[in-house]
Amino acid sequence: MNTRGKLIVFEGVEGSGKTSQIKLCSSWLQSLNISVVVTREPGGTDLGLQLRRLLLEAGNSIADKTELLLYAADRSQHVHHNLMPNLAKGAIILCDRYTDSTIAYQGWGRQMNIATIEQLNLLATDGLQSDLTILLDIDPEISLKRILQKRKLDRIEQADLAFHHRIRQGYLSLAKKSPEKIVVVNGNQNIEQVASEIQQLLISLLKISLTEVKS
């Protein structure tokens, strides 16, 4: 009988370093012979990829409520066709964004009703929560500059700076309310320091022996 896997979520404002850290984390876990599934929201299923294009393509005009419902649709499909089946197989899942993103972006950023968003999250996920959420915290002014050095901003990233600051405040508020589940990691550190902190968190969560790590 398979042991249920673990859902590890990476959260943060745009350009906080989630994608880079997920890649490093995945490589590290695989080097320890641990089965890893890497996924993201939006876009963790075939349907999700289509929704991701609609949500992020610059120039698309999407009402706030429509945006919220599209994210919920993506999440429902993702949970039932990706997360739950892989957790049942015992996989360690590294997920780029999950329910806290919707509270931070649509609740705090768009200033929509958070109680409604929480109900929608519950409906979409059937109550599936992360085993650990890693919040990479960084000033949005710094993180958006990081993105601009590489590419043009997408629809969400193009919102004004006040929007992104509200998102950061939302994340920090969530972390303060649930410190046992959401761990804040300073995203201003260099990439190696951030990766090292994340590895220590996973050593504890997954009960990885230090002998395995050193070998």
Foldseek 3Di string as FASTA:
>chain_A
DAAFAFEEEEDEFAQLCLVVLVVVVVVLCVLLVAAEAEAEPQPRDPVSVVLCCQQWAPPRDDDLVRNLVSSLVSLLCCQVVPVVVCRVNHHHYYYYDALLQCCLQSCQLVVDDNVVSVVSSCVSNVPDDGQAYEYAYDQLVVSLVVVVVPDDGIHSSPDDSVSRVSSNVSVVVVCVVCVVHYPYDHSVDDPVVSSVVVVVVCCVVVVPDVVSSVD
